[in-house]
């Protein structure tokens, strides 16, 4: 997070030619969690410490499967 004039805290934005995500720490739940927002769609996901640790420990092949956008992201929803 970075401060801007007026003491507003802005999330960090991580982007590439393929995606842009705003990253922030949310303190409103029972404990801190990471708030991730897809800047293209506005979709938000929260990850707690256990979920983040799971990502760190995933074998590389498993992470590649998750990152394949054709697996979920660009498929039509059932019934469409």
N, C-alpha and C. Protein backbone atom coordinates (compact mmCIF):
# COMPACT_ATOMS: atom_id res chain seq x y z
N UNK A 1 0.85 -1.18 0.00
CA UNK A 1 0.00 0.00 0.00
C UNK A 1 0.89 1.23 0.00
N UNK A 2 0.41 2.28 -0.59
CA UNK A 2 1.16 3.52 -0.60
C UNK A 2 0.24 4.67 -0.23
N UNK A 3 0.83 5.64 0.47
CA UNK A 3 0.03 6.79 0.88
C UNK A 3 0.03 7.84 -0.22
N UNK A 4 -1.09 8.50 -0.35
CA UNK A 4 -1.23 9.60 -1.29
C UNK A 4 -1.69 10.81 -0.50
N UNK A 5 -1.68 11.98 -1.10
CA UNK A 5 -2.13 13.17 -0.38
C UNK A 5 -3.49 12.95 0.28
N UNK A 6 -3.63 13.45 1.51
CA UNK A 6 -4.87 13.27 2.25
C UNK A 6 -4.86 11.99 3.06
N UNK A 7 -3.69 11.34 3.17
CA UNK A 7 -3.50 10.10 3.94
C UNK A 7 -4.33 8.93 3.44
N UNK A 8 -4.77 8.97 2.20
CA UNK A 8 -5.48 7.82 1.63
C UNK A 8 -4.45 6.74 1.31
N UNK A 9 -4.76 5.52 1.68
CA UNK A 9 -3.88 4.42 1.37
C UNK A 9 -4.38 3.73 0.11
N UNK A 10 -3.52 3.63 -0.89
CA UNK A 10 -3.87 3.02 -2.16
C UNK A 10 -3.25 1.63 -2.25
N UNK A 11 -3.96 0.67 -2.83
CA UNK A 11 -3.37 -0.65 -3.00
C UNK A 11 -2.27 -0.61 -4.05
N UNK A 12 -1.34 -1.56 -3.94
CA UNK A 12 -0.33 -1.72 -4.98
C UNK A 12 -0.99 -2.36 -6.19
N UNK A 13 -0.54 -1.99 -7.37
CA UNK A 13 -1.05 -2.59 -8.59
C UNK A 13 0.10 -3.35 -9.24
N UNK A 14 -0.15 -4.63 -9.50
CA UNK A 14 0.83 -5.48 -10.16
C UNK A 14 0.24 -5.84 -11.51
N UNK A 15 0.99 -5.54 -12.56
CA UNK A 15 0.43 -5.77 -13.88
C UNK A 15 1.45 -6.23 -14.90
N UNK A 16 0.94 -6.79 -15.95
CA UNK A 16 1.73 -7.18 -17.11
C UNK A 16 0.85 -6.99 -18.33
N UNK A 17 1.32 -7.47 -19.48
CA UNK A 17 0.50 -7.35 -20.67
C UNK A 17 -0.71 -8.29 -20.63
N UNK A 18 -0.72 -9.23 -19.66
CA UNK A 18 -1.79 -10.22 -19.58
C UNK A 18 -2.81 -9.96 -18.47
N UNK A 19 -2.41 -9.25 -17.41
CA UNK A 19 -3.30 -9.06 -16.26
C UNK A 19 -2.86 -7.86 -15.45
N UNK A 20 -3.81 -7.32 -14.68
CA UNK A 20 -3.51 -6.24 -13.74
C UNK A 20 -4.34 -6.48 -12.49
N UNK A 21 -3.64 -6.58 -11.34
CA UNK A 21 -4.29 -6.91 -10.07
C UNK A 21 -3.90 -5.89 -9.01
N UNK A 22 -4.89 -5.40 -8.27
CA UNK A 22 -4.65 -4.52 -7.13
C UNK A 22 -4.50 -5.42 -5.90
N UNK A 23 -3.44 -5.16 -5.11
CA UNK A 23 -3.13 -5.98 -3.94
C UNK A 23 -3.16 -5.10 -2.70
N UNK A 24 -3.88 -5.57 -1.68
CA UNK A 24 -4.03 -4.80 -0.45
C UNK A 24 -4.13 -5.77 0.71
N UNK A 25 -3.88 -5.30 1.92
CA UNK A 25 -4.08 -6.12 3.12
C UNK A 25 -5.38 -5.67 3.76
N UNK A 26 -6.30 -6.61 3.94
CA UNK A 26 -7.60 -6.33 4.55
C UNK A 26 -7.53 -6.70 6.02
N UNK A 27 -7.88 -5.78 6.89
CA UNK A 27 -7.83 -6.01 8.33
C UNK A 27 -9.23 -6.13 8.92
N UNK A 28 -10.28 -6.16 8.10
CA UNK A 28 -11.66 -6.14 8.60
C UNK A 28 -12.15 -7.51 9.07
N UNK A 29 -11.46 -8.58 8.74
CA UNK A 29 -11.91 -9.92 9.15
C UNK A 29 -11.31 -10.26 10.51
N UNK A 30 -11.33 -11.54 10.87
CA UNK A 30 -10.79 -11.98 12.16
C UNK A 30 -9.29 -11.79 12.26
N UNK A 31 -8.62 -11.72 11.14
CA UNK A 31 -7.18 -11.51 11.09
C UNK A 31 -6.84 -10.93 9.74
N UNK A 32 -5.59 -10.52 9.56
CA UNK A 32 -5.22 -9.94 8.27
C UNK A 32 -5.31 -10.98 7.15
N UNK A 33 -5.71 -10.50 6.00
CA UNK A 33 -5.77 -11.36 4.82
C UNK A 33 -5.45 -10.50 3.60
N UNK A 34 -5.00 -11.14 2.56
CA UNK A 34 -4.66 -10.44 1.35
C UNK A 34 -5.91 -10.23 0.51
N UNK A 35 -6.11 -9.02 0.04
CA UNK A 35 -7.24 -8.71 -0.85
C UNK A 35 -6.68 -8.52 -2.25
N UNK A 36 -7.17 -9.31 -3.18
CA UNK A 36 -6.74 -9.25 -4.57
C UNK A 36 -7.92 -8.85 -5.43
N UNK A 37 -7.73 -7.87 -6.30
CA UNK A 37 -8.81 -7.42 -7.18
C UNK A 37 -8.34 -7.42 -8.62
N UNK A 38 -9.03 -8.15 -9.47
CA UNK A 38 -8.78 -8.15 -10.91
C UNK A 38 -9.24 -6.80 -11.43
N UNK A 39 -8.32 -5.99 -11.89
CA UNK A 39 -8.66 -4.64 -12.32
C UNK A 39 -9.50 -4.63 -13.60
N UNK A 40 -9.45 -5.68 -14.38
CA UNK A 40 -10.23 -5.74 -15.61
C UNK A 40 -11.70 -6.00 -15.32
N UNK A 41 -11.98 -6.94 -14.39
CA UNK A 41 -13.36 -7.36 -14.14
C UNK A 41 -13.93 -6.83 -12.82
N UNK A 42 -13.06 -6.41 -11.90
CA UNK A 42 -13.52 -5.99 -10.58
C UNK A 42 -13.73 -7.15 -9.62
N UNK A 43 -13.47 -8.37 -10.07
CA UNK A 43 -13.63 -9.55 -9.20
C UNK A 43 -12.62 -9.49 -8.07
N UNK A 44 -13.07 -9.82 -6.84
CA UNK A 44 -12.22 -9.74 -5.65
C UNK A 44 -12.10 -11.12 -5.02
N UNK A 45 -10.91 -11.44 -4.54
CA UNK A 45 -10.66 -12.69 -3.80
C UNK A 45 -9.82 -12.33 -2.58
N UNK A 46 -10.15 -12.95 -1.45
CA UNK A 46 -9.40 -12.78 -0.22
C UNK A 46 -8.64 -14.06 0.08
N UNK A 47 -7.37 -13.94 0.46
CA UNK A 47 -6.56 -15.10 0.81
C UNK A 47 -6.01 -14.92 2.22
N UNK A 48 -6.24 -15.93 3.09
CA UNK A 48 -5.69 -15.86 4.44
C UNK A 48 -4.30 -16.51 4.45
N UNK A 49 -3.68 -16.54 5.60
CA UNK A 49 -2.31 -17.05 5.70
C UNK A 49 -2.19 -18.50 5.24
N UNK A 50 -3.14 -19.35 5.58
CA UNK A 50 -3.08 -20.75 5.18
C UNK A 50 -3.17 -20.89 3.66
N UNK A 51 -4.05 -20.12 3.04
CA UNK A 51 -4.19 -20.17 1.58
C UNK A 51 -2.92 -19.67 0.89
N UNK A 52 -2.32 -18.62 1.43
CA UNK A 52 -1.08 -18.10 0.85
C UNK A 52 0.06 -19.10 1.01
N UNK A 53 0.15 -19.74 2.17
CA UNK A 53 1.19 -20.74 2.38
C UNK A 53 1.01 -21.92 1.43
N UNK A 54 -0.24 -22.28 1.16
CA UNK A 54 -0.52 -23.37 0.22
C UNK A 54 0.02 -23.03 -1.16
N UNK A 55 -0.16 -21.80 -1.60
CA UNK A 55 0.35 -21.38 -2.90
C UNK A 55 1.88 -21.49 -2.92
N UNK A 56 2.52 -21.10 -1.83
CA UNK A 56 3.98 -21.16 -1.76
C UNK A 56 4.48 -22.60 -1.87
N UNK A 57 3.76 -23.54 -1.28
CA UNK A 57 4.19 -24.93 -1.25
C UNK A 57 3.72 -25.76 -2.44
N UNK A 58 2.89 -25.21 -3.32
CA UNK A 58 2.44 -25.97 -4.48
C UNK A 58 3.62 -26.38 -5.36
N UNK A 59 3.64 -27.63 -5.78
CA UNK A 59 4.66 -28.01 -6.77
C UNK A 59 4.44 -27.19 -8.05
N UNK A 60 5.51 -26.91 -8.76
CA UNK A 60 5.44 -26.03 -9.92
C UNK A 60 4.41 -26.49 -10.95
N UNK A 61 4.29 -27.76 -11.19
CA UNK A 61 3.32 -28.25 -12.17
C UNK A 61 1.89 -27.93 -11.78
N UNK A 62 1.58 -27.97 -10.49
CA UNK A 62 0.23 -27.66 -10.03
C UNK A 62 -0.09 -26.19 -10.25
N UNK A 63 0.87 -25.34 -9.99
CA UNK A 63 0.65 -23.91 -10.19
C UNK A 63 0.42 -23.61 -11.67
N UNK A 64 1.15 -24.28 -12.54
CA UNK A 64 0.95 -24.08 -13.97
C UNK A 64 -0.47 -24.43 -14.38
N UNK A 65 -1.02 -25.50 -13.83
CA UNK A 65 -2.40 -25.89 -14.15
C UNK A 65 -3.38 -24.81 -13.71
N UNK A 66 -3.16 -24.24 -12.54
CA UNK A 66 -4.04 -23.19 -12.02
C UNK A 66 -3.94 -21.94 -12.90
N UNK A 67 -2.75 -21.64 -13.39
CA UNK A 67 -2.53 -20.43 -14.17
C UNK A 67 -3.02 -20.52 -15.60
N UNK A 68 -3.41 -21.70 -16.06
CA UNK A 68 -3.90 -21.87 -17.42
C UNK A 68 -5.27 -21.21 -17.54
N UNK A 69 -5.37 -20.04 -18.20
CA UNK A 69 -6.66 -19.34 -18.25
C UNK A 69 -7.74 -20.09 -19.01
N UNK A 70 -7.35 -21.01 -19.88
CA UNK A 70 -8.36 -21.75 -20.63
C UNK A 70 -9.10 -22.76 -19.74
N UNK A 71 -8.56 -23.06 -18.56
CA UNK A 71 -9.19 -24.03 -17.66
C UNK A 71 -10.50 -23.48 -17.07
N UNK A 72 -10.54 -22.19 -16.75
CA UNK A 72 -11.73 -21.61 -16.12
C UNK A 72 -12.09 -20.23 -16.63
N UNK A 73 -11.12 -19.39 -16.79
CA UNK A 73 -11.38 -17.97 -16.99
C UNK A 73 -12.15 -17.64 -18.24
N UNK A 74 -11.85 -18.28 -19.35
CA UNK A 74 -12.48 -17.89 -20.61
C UNK A 74 -13.52 -18.87 -21.10
N UNK A 75 -13.93 -19.79 -20.24
CA UNK A 75 -14.97 -20.74 -20.63
C UNK A 75 -16.33 -20.13 -20.33
N UNK A 76 -17.30 -20.49 -21.13
CA UNK A 76 -18.66 -20.02 -20.87
C UNK A 76 -19.23 -20.78 -19.69
N UNK A 77 -20.06 -20.12 -18.92
CA UNK A 77 -20.70 -20.76 -17.79
C UNK A 77 -21.74 -21.76 -18.30
N UNK A 78 -21.94 -22.87 -17.55
CA UNK A 78 -22.95 -23.85 -17.98
C UNK A 78 -24.32 -23.20 -18.16
N UNK A 79 -25.03 -23.61 -19.19
CA UNK A 79 -26.35 -23.07 -19.43
C UNK A 79 -26.37 -21.82 -20.28
N UNK A 80 -25.22 -21.40 -20.73
CA UNK A 80 -25.16 -20.19 -21.59
C UNK A 80 -25.15 -20.55 -23.02
